Amino acid sequence: MDKRVIFAVAGSGKTTYIINSLKKDERVLIVTYTLGNYNNLLNKIANMFNGELPANIEVMTYFTFLYRFCYKPFLADEIKAKGITYERNTNKYIGQDKIQYYLSNGRYIYSNRLSLLIEKCKYLPEVKQRLEKYFDRFIIDEVQDIAGRDFNFLEELMTTNISMLFVGDFYQHTYDTSTDGNTNKNLFSDQAKYIQRFIDKGFICDRTTLTKSWRCSEGICKFITEKLGIPISSNLPYDSNSADFDVVHITDQVTINSILNDERIIKLHLRESAKFGTGHKNWGETKGEDHYNDVCVLLNKTTAKLYLSGKLCDLPPSTRNKLYVALTRAHGKVYLVDE
């Protein structure tokens, strides 16, 4: 029984790899966190199977899986929750033995405690049996988004007696399914320890299959490797004449104005991009998007200072990862502009 996790890089074809592994005679559940990845999976699966989603393939967002597949069959009648809330329970004085720890006053389950509720009610064996009954293989796309208590829950599911394939990019960890206190607070602070937790559950860890990008040029990959300390290389032909100019720091105001006025070039900010209107997005928001040619990355004051001093590696991991996402959206050039 094959259980493996593939650690990929941006643009290496994670979704394509998953789609190509699907079979018409195998019952498969695919789970992903973001709605963008969910829609992307649906579209690509339909394209592969002549415009239809086969009956043997089920695609769910993470919280749909948690609520509809894991919670409702066993706890809906007992808990009688109305749904999920993504707000946080701010009452620090309610213990885990109280239902108020998991449920809001309006009887919505706190999303960051739903997996813990299932565990505390001792329904994990039933959830695993349900997976075995309805599916032959369990796939998670963008596995690095699963964090907090949800990672503990995932570790329990890893021992289910079906094949599993998890695919993700450790350095594209920009979202968390949940955070709650100090639970797995340092999960992504050490890649070796992160990988070991999969190995301890009997997983094969593949760090070679998806290590080259089909999207980013060698020049962009070289910049990311050298400046951010994130190893990535390119599958694209190397062009010695343009490689050093694939990432360009623009300081001339006339050129900056031209780039900012070019609607074909997406402008990416660390945060608060909505203030600038259409054509602007946050760095992390573009994860999973693959349709940009040239990209303009706006550097906030701290990032610009570290870039000029050659110390981008000193960025906080969350900021560095979001910058990595922004830089790897480009099929063409990346323009760096001080915000």
Protein backbone atom coordinates (compact mmCIF):
# COMPACT_ATOMS: atom_id res chain seq x y z
CA MET A 1 0.00 0.00 0.00
CA ASP A 2 1.62 3.22 -1.17
CA LYS A 3 1.69 6.18 1.16
CA ARG A 4 3.84 9.09 0.11
CA VAL A 5 4.27 12.82 0.42
CA ILE A 6 5.87 14.76 -2.43
CA PHE A 7 7.65 18.00 -1.60
CA ALA A 8 7.43 20.19 -4.68
CA VAL A 9 8.46 23.68 -5.81
CA ALA A 10 6.33 26.43 -7.32
CA GLY A 11 5.26 25.75 -10.89
CA SER A 12 6.52 22.16 -10.89
CA GLY A 13 3.13 20.70 -11.84
CA LYS A 14 1.70 19.52 -8.51
CA THR A 15 -1.90 19.57 -9.69
CA THR A 16 -1.01 18.01 -13.05
CA TYR A 17 0.81 15.21 -11.24
CA ILE A 18 -2.28 14.52 -9.13
CA ILE A 19 -4.62 14.58 -12.14
CA ASN A 20 -2.41 12.22 -14.15
CA SER A 21 -2.41 9.71 -11.28
CA LEU A 22 -6.22 9.34 -11.32
CA LYS A 23 -7.85 6.15 -12.61
CA LYS A 24 -11.42 5.41 -13.60
CA ASP A 25 -11.54 2.23 -11.53
CA GLU A 26 -10.17 3.74 -8.30
CA ARG A 27 -12.32 5.57 -5.75
CA VAL A 28 -10.44 8.72 -4.83
CA LEU A 29 -11.02 11.54 -2.36
CA ILE A 30 -9.06 14.74 -3.08
CA VAL A 31 -8.91 17.42 -0.39
CA THR A 32 -7.45 20.91 -0.67
CA TYR A 33 -7.67 23.99 1.52
CA THR A 34 -8.33 27.04 -0.66
CA LEU A 35 -11.35 27.56 -2.89
CA GLY A 36 -9.04 28.55 -5.73
CA ASN A 37 -7.26 25.18 -5.63
CA TYR A 38 -10.62 23.41 -5.33
CA ASN A 39 -11.97 25.05 -8.51
CA ASN A 40 -8.68 24.47 -10.32
CA LEU A 41 -8.83 20.75 -9.49
CA LEU A 42 -12.44 20.45 -10.65
CA ASN A 43 -11.68 22.14 -13.96
CA LYS A 44 -8.58 20.07 -14.69
CA ILE A 45 -10.24 16.77 -13.76
CA ALA A 46 -13.22 17.59 -15.98
CA ASN A 47 -10.87 18.44 -18.86
CA MET A 48 -9.12 15.11 -18.47
CA PHE A 49 -12.38 13.13 -18.46
CA ASN A 50 -14.17 14.76 -21.42
CA GLY A 51 -15.83 17.56 -19.49
CA GLU A 52 -17.27 15.49 -16.65
CA LEU A 53 -16.27 14.70 -13.08
CA PRO A 54 -16.26 10.88 -12.80
CA ALA A 55 -18.46 9.38 -10.09
CA ASN A 56 -15.47 7.64 -8.50
CA ILE A 57 -13.63 10.93 -7.85
CA GLU A 58 -14.70 13.23 -5.01
CA VAL A 59 -13.15 16.67 -4.51
CA MET A 60 -13.68 18.63 -1.28
CA THR A 61 -12.29 21.68 0.43
CA TYR A 62 -10.69 20.86 3.77
CA PHE A 63 -13.49 22.15 6.00
CA THR A 64 -16.17 20.54 3.83
CA PHE A 65 -14.32 17.26 4.36
CA LEU A 66 -14.03 17.87 8.09
CA TYR A 67 -17.65 18.96 8.60
CA ARG A 68 -19.56 16.88 6.06
CA PHE A 69 -17.52 13.68 5.98
CA CYS A 70 -16.02 13.48 9.48
CA TYR A 71 -18.42 15.36 11.77
CA LYS A 72 -22.00 15.06 10.45
CA PRO A 73 -22.36 11.25 10.22
CA PHE A 74 -21.40 10.79 13.88
CA LEU A 75 -22.01 14.01 15.81
CA ALA A 76 -24.68 16.04 14.00
CA ASP A 77 -27.59 14.66 16.03
CA GLU A 78 -25.70 14.98 19.29
CA ILE A 79 -24.13 18.44 18.88
CA LYS A 80 -26.80 20.01 16.65
CA ALA A 81 -24.43 22.66 15.28
CA LYS A 82 -25.69 25.00 12.55
CA GLY A 83 -22.39 25.02 10.68
CA ILE A 84 -18.86 26.39 10.98
CA THR A 85 -17.64 29.81 12.09
CA TYR A 86 -14.16 31.03 11.24
CA GLU A 87 -14.12 33.42 14.19
CA ARG A 88 -12.09 32.56 17.28
CA ASN A 89 -13.35 31.65 20.75
CA THR A 90 -11.84 34.42 22.84
CA ASN A 91 -12.99 33.05 26.21
CA LYS A 92 -9.80 31.77 27.82
CA TYR A 93 -11.53 30.30 30.84
CA ILE A 94 -13.53 27.51 29.16
CA GLY A 95 -11.88 24.08 29.26
CA GLN A 96 -11.85 21.42 26.55
CA ASP A 97 -14.36 19.39 28.53
CA LYS A 98 -17.07 22.02 27.90
CA ILE A 99 -19.08 22.21 24.66
CA GLN A 100 -18.70 26.01 24.78
CA TYR A 101 -15.02 25.47 24.00
CA TYR A 102 -16.06 24.24 20.55
CA LEU A 103 -19.40 26.01 19.91
CA SER A 104 -20.28 29.69 19.63
CA ASN A 105 -23.36 31.13 21.33
CA GLY A 106 -25.17 30.77 18.00
CA ARG A 107 -24.21 27.04 17.89
CA TYR A 108 -21.60 27.27 15.15
CA ILE A 109 -18.46 25.16 15.55
CA TYR A 110 -15.19 27.07 15.72
CA SER A 111 -13.26 25.93 12.64
CA ASN A 112 -9.93 25.69 14.48
CA ARG A 113 -11.45 23.26 17.01
CA LEU A 114 -13.60 21.02 14.83
CA SER A 115 -10.95 18.33 14.40
CA LEU A 116 -10.26 18.39 18.15
CA LEU A 117 -13.99 17.97 18.85
CA ILE A 118 -14.09 14.82 16.70
CA GLU A 119 -11.05 13.46 18.55
CA LYS A 120 -12.40 14.30 22.01
CA CYS A 121 -15.69 12.59 21.19
CA LYS A 122 -13.64 9.50 20.27
CA TYR A 123 -14.91 9.16 16.70
CA LEU A 124 -11.53 8.94 14.97
CA PRO A 125 -11.77 5.14 14.50
CA GLU A 126 -15.18 5.58 12.83
CA VAL A 127 -13.83 8.31 10.55
CA LYS A 128 -10.96 6.06 9.47
CA GLN A 129 -13.35 3.17 8.84
CA ARG A 130 -15.51 5.50 6.74
CA LEU A 131 -12.52 6.47 4.62
CA GLU A 132 -11.69 2.81 4.09
CA LYS A 133 -15.31 2.00 3.17
CA TYR A 134 -15.82 4.69 0.53
CA PHE A 135 -12.35 5.31 -0.92
CA ASP A 136 -9.31 3.44 -2.19
CA ARG A 137 -7.03 6.46 -2.10
CA PHE A 138 -6.83 9.72 -0.15
CA ILE A 139 -5.10 12.70 -1.79
CA ILE A 140 -4.29 16.08 -0.26
CA ASP A 141 -3.21 18.94 -2.49
CA GLU A 142 -1.21 21.77 -0.84
CA VAL A 143 -0.69 19.72 2.30
CA GLN A 144 1.48 22.48 3.78
CA ASP A 145 -1.71 24.48 4.48
CA ILE A 146 -2.80 21.97 7.13
CA ALA A 147 -1.57 23.24 10.47
CA GLY A 148 -2.38 23.60 14.15
CA ARG A 149 -4.72 20.97 15.59
CA ASP A 150 -5.61 19.90 12.05
CA PHE A 151 -2.12 18.50 11.55
CA ASN A 152 -2.54 16.31 14.61
CA PHE A 153 -5.85 15.13 13.17
CA LEU A 154 -4.16 14.42 9.82
CA GLU A 155 -1.47 12.36 11.55
CA GLU A 156 -4.22 10.15 12.97
CA LEU A 157 -5.75 9.71 9.52
CA MET A 158 -2.35 8.77 8.07
CA THR A 159 -2.67 5.32 9.64
CA THR A 160 -5.90 4.57 7.75
CA ASN A 161 -5.61 1.41 5.66
CA ILE A 162 -5.83 2.99 2.19
CA SER A 163 -3.29 4.45 -0.24
CA MET A 164 -2.40 8.10 0.26
CA LEU A 165 -0.72 10.84 -1.74
CA PHE A 166 0.05 14.24 -0.21
CA VAL A 167 1.60 16.96 -2.33
CA GLY A 168 2.83 20.36 -1.17
CA ASP A 169 5.55 22.98 -1.07
CA PHE A 170 7.01 23.57 2.38
CA TYR A 171 7.96 27.14 1.46
CA GLN A 172 4.49 28.01 0.16
CA HIS A 173 3.12 27.72 3.67
CA THR A 174 1.26 31.05 3.71
CA TYR A 175 -2.11 29.92 5.10
CA ASP A 176 -3.10 27.79 8.10
CA THR A 177 -6.23 25.67 8.31
CA SER A 178 -6.16 26.50 12.01
CA THR A 179 -4.14 28.03 14.81
CA ASP A 180 -5.06 27.57 18.45
CA GLY A 181 -2.68 28.52 21.23
CA ASN A 182 0.70 26.83 21.00
CA THR A 183 -0.51 23.67 19.24
CA ASN A 184 2.08 22.90 16.52
CA LYS A 185 3.27 26.49 16.78
CA ASN A 186 6.72 25.54 15.48
CA LEU A 187 5.53 23.00 12.89
CA PHE A 188 7.11 24.90 9.99
CA SER A 189 10.21 26.22 11.75
CA ASP A 190 12.34 23.18 10.82
CA GLN A 191 11.82 21.37 7.51
CA ALA A 192 13.72 18.26 8.60
CA LYS A 193 11.52 17.82 11.67
CA TYR A 194 8.40 18.46 9.56
CA ILE A 195 9.42 15.74 7.10
CA GLN A 196 10.22 13.35 9.95
CA ARG A 197 6.64 13.50 11.20
CA PHE A 198 5.47 11.99 7.90
CA ILE A 199 8.22 9.38 7.99
CA ASP A 200 7.19 8.40 11.52
CA LYS A 201 3.73 7.57 10.13
CA GLY A 202 5.18 5.26 7.49
CA PHE A 203 5.19 7.69 4.56
CA ILE A 204 7.71 7.72 1.74
CA CYS A 205 9.03 11.29 1.41
CA ASP A 206 9.78 12.21 -2.20
CA ARG A 207 12.01 15.27 -2.65
CA THR A 208 13.10 14.67 -6.24
CA THR A 209 10.03 14.21 -8.50
CA LEU A 210 8.74 17.80 -8.50
CA THR A 211 11.82 19.92 -7.81
CA LYS A 212 11.96 21.87 -11.08
CA SER A 213 9.60 24.62 -12.18
CA TRP A 214 7.87 24.65 -15.57
CA ARG A 215 6.80 28.25 -14.97
CA CYS A 216 9.82 30.17 -13.75
CA SER A 217 12.98 30.86 -15.73
CA GLU A 218 16.42 29.83 -14.49
CA GLY A 219 17.11 33.49 -13.70
CA ILE A 220 14.11 33.74 -11.35
CA CYS A 221 14.96 30.39 -9.76
CA LYS A 222 18.57 31.50 -9.26
CA PHE A 223 17.41 34.72 -7.59
CA ILE A 224 15.10 32.83 -5.20
CA THR A 225 17.75 30.24 -4.34
CA GLU A 226 20.49 32.78 -3.72
CA LYS A 227 18.49 35.63 -2.16
CA LEU A 228 15.76 33.79 -0.22
CA GLY A 229 17.62 30.57 0.50
CA ILE A 230 14.81 28.49 -1.00
CA PRO A 231 16.18 25.80 -3.36
CA ILE A 232 14.44 25.81 -6.74
CA SER A 233 15.57 25.19 -10.32
CA SER A 234 13.94 25.44 -13.73
CA ASN A 235 12.85 22.97 -16.40
CA LEU A 236 12.91 25.75 -19.00
CA PRO A 237 15.81 26.20 -21.45
CA TYR A 238 18.57 28.39 -20.01
CA ASP A 239 19.08 31.69 -21.79
CA SER A 240 22.44 33.18 -20.79
CA ASN A 241 21.55 36.48 -22.46
CA SER A 242 18.48 37.13 -20.32
CA ALA A 243 18.95 35.11 -17.12
CA ASP A 244 20.50 38.00 -15.20
CA PHE A 245 17.63 40.28 -16.17
CA ASP A 246 14.69 38.06 -15.29
CA VAL A 247 14.45 39.81 -11.90
CA VAL A 248 15.06 43.54 -12.23
CA HIS A 249 15.04 46.22 -9.55
CA ILE A 250 13.47 49.32 -11.13
CA THR A 251 14.38 52.74 -9.71
CA ASP A 252 13.78 55.02 -12.67
CA GLN A 253 10.48 56.85 -12.10
CA VAL A 254 9.51 56.97 -15.78
CA THR A 255 9.92 53.19 -16.08
CA ILE A 256 8.07 52.67 -12.79
CA ASN A 257 5.14 54.73 -14.04
CA SER A 258 5.08 52.74 -17.26
CA ILE A 259 4.95 49.45 -15.35
CA LEU A 260 2.28 50.67 -12.94
CA ASN A 261 0.13 51.89 -15.84
CA ASP A 262 0.48 48.63 -17.79
CA GLU A 263 -2.70 46.65 -17.12
CA ARG A 264 -1.06 43.47 -18.40
CA ILE A 265 1.32 43.46 -15.42
CA ILE A 266 -0.10 42.36 -12.06
CA LYS A 267 1.07 44.41 -9.07
CA LEU A 268 1.72 42.44 -5.91
CA HIS A 269 1.91 43.89 -2.37
CA LEU A 270 2.72 42.29 0.97
CA ARG A 271 -0.65 43.46 2.30
CA GLU A 272 -3.51 45.95 1.82
CA SER A 273 -3.53 45.64 -1.97
CA ALA A 274 -7.27 46.40 -2.00
CA LYS A 275 -6.44 50.06 -1.39
CA PHE A 276 -4.96 50.25 -4.88
CA GLY A 277 -7.92 48.85 -6.84
CA THR A 278 -8.03 46.28 -9.63
CA GLY A 279 -4.80 44.82 -10.93
CA HIS A 280 -3.32 44.70 -7.42
CA LYS A 281 -3.15 41.67 -5.14
CA ASN A 282 -1.33 40.57 -1.99
CA TRP A 283 1.74 38.35 -2.36
CA GLY A 284 0.21 35.29 -0.68
CA GLU A 285 -3.16 35.74 -2.34
CA THR A 286 -1.82 34.62 -5.72
CA LYS A 287 -0.78 31.14 -4.57
CA GLY A 288 -2.01 28.61 -7.13
CA GLU A 289 -2.40 31.22 -9.90
CA ASP A 290 -0.52 30.46 -13.08
CA HIS A 291 -1.64 32.91 -15.77
CA TYR A 292 0.70 35.89 -15.37
CA ASN A 293 3.49 36.75 -17.78
CA ASP A 294 5.35 39.71 -16.23
CA VAL A 295 4.87 40.54 -12.54
CA CYS A 296 5.61 43.68 -10.54
CA VAL A 297 6.47 42.94 -6.91
CA LEU A 298 6.13 45.97 -4.65
CA LEU A 299 8.66 45.85 -1.80
CA ASN A 300 7.57 47.29 1.52
CA LYS A 301 10.13 49.33 3.48
CA THR A 302 11.57 46.42 5.48
CA THR A 303 11.84 44.09 2.49
CA ALA A 304 13.39 46.79 0.28
CA LYS A 305 16.03 47.51 2.94
CA LEU A 306 16.93 43.83 3.30
CA TYR A 307 17.04 43.40 -0.47
CA LEU A 308 19.49 46.28 -0.91
CA SER A 309 21.70 44.89 1.86
CA GLY A 310 21.57 41.35 0.43
CA LYS A 311 19.79 39.96 3.47
CA LEU A 312 16.38 38.82 2.20
CA CYS A 313 17.04 35.54 4.01
CA ASP A 314 16.54 37.46 7.25
CA LEU A 315 12.86 38.08 6.50
CA PRO A 316 10.45 36.38 8.92
CA PRO A 317 9.54 32.96 7.45
CA SER A 318 5.91 33.95 6.81
CA THR A 319 6.96 37.07 4.88
CA ARG A 320 9.71 35.22 3.02
CA ASN A 321 7.26 32.52 1.95
CA LYS A 322 4.76 35.09 0.65
CA LEU A 323 7.53 36.82 -1.31
CA TYR A 324 8.51 33.43 -2.76
CA VAL A 325 4.90 32.95 -3.89
CA ALA A 326 4.86 36.41 -5.52
CA LEU A 327 8.18 35.93 -7.33
CA THR A 328 7.13 32.53 -8.71
CA ARG A 329 3.94 33.74 -10.38
CA ALA A 330 5.84 35.03 -13.44
CA HIS A 331 6.28 33.17 -16.69
CA GLY A 332 8.30 36.16 -17.89
CA LYS A 333 10.04 38.90 -15.91
CA VAL A 334 9.77 40.09 -12.33
CA TYR A 335 10.05 43.83 -11.71
CA LEU A 336 10.97 44.85 -8.17
CA VAL A 337 9.76 48.32 -7.17
CA ASP A 338 10.05 50.01 -3.78
CA GLU A 339 6.54 50.53 -2.52
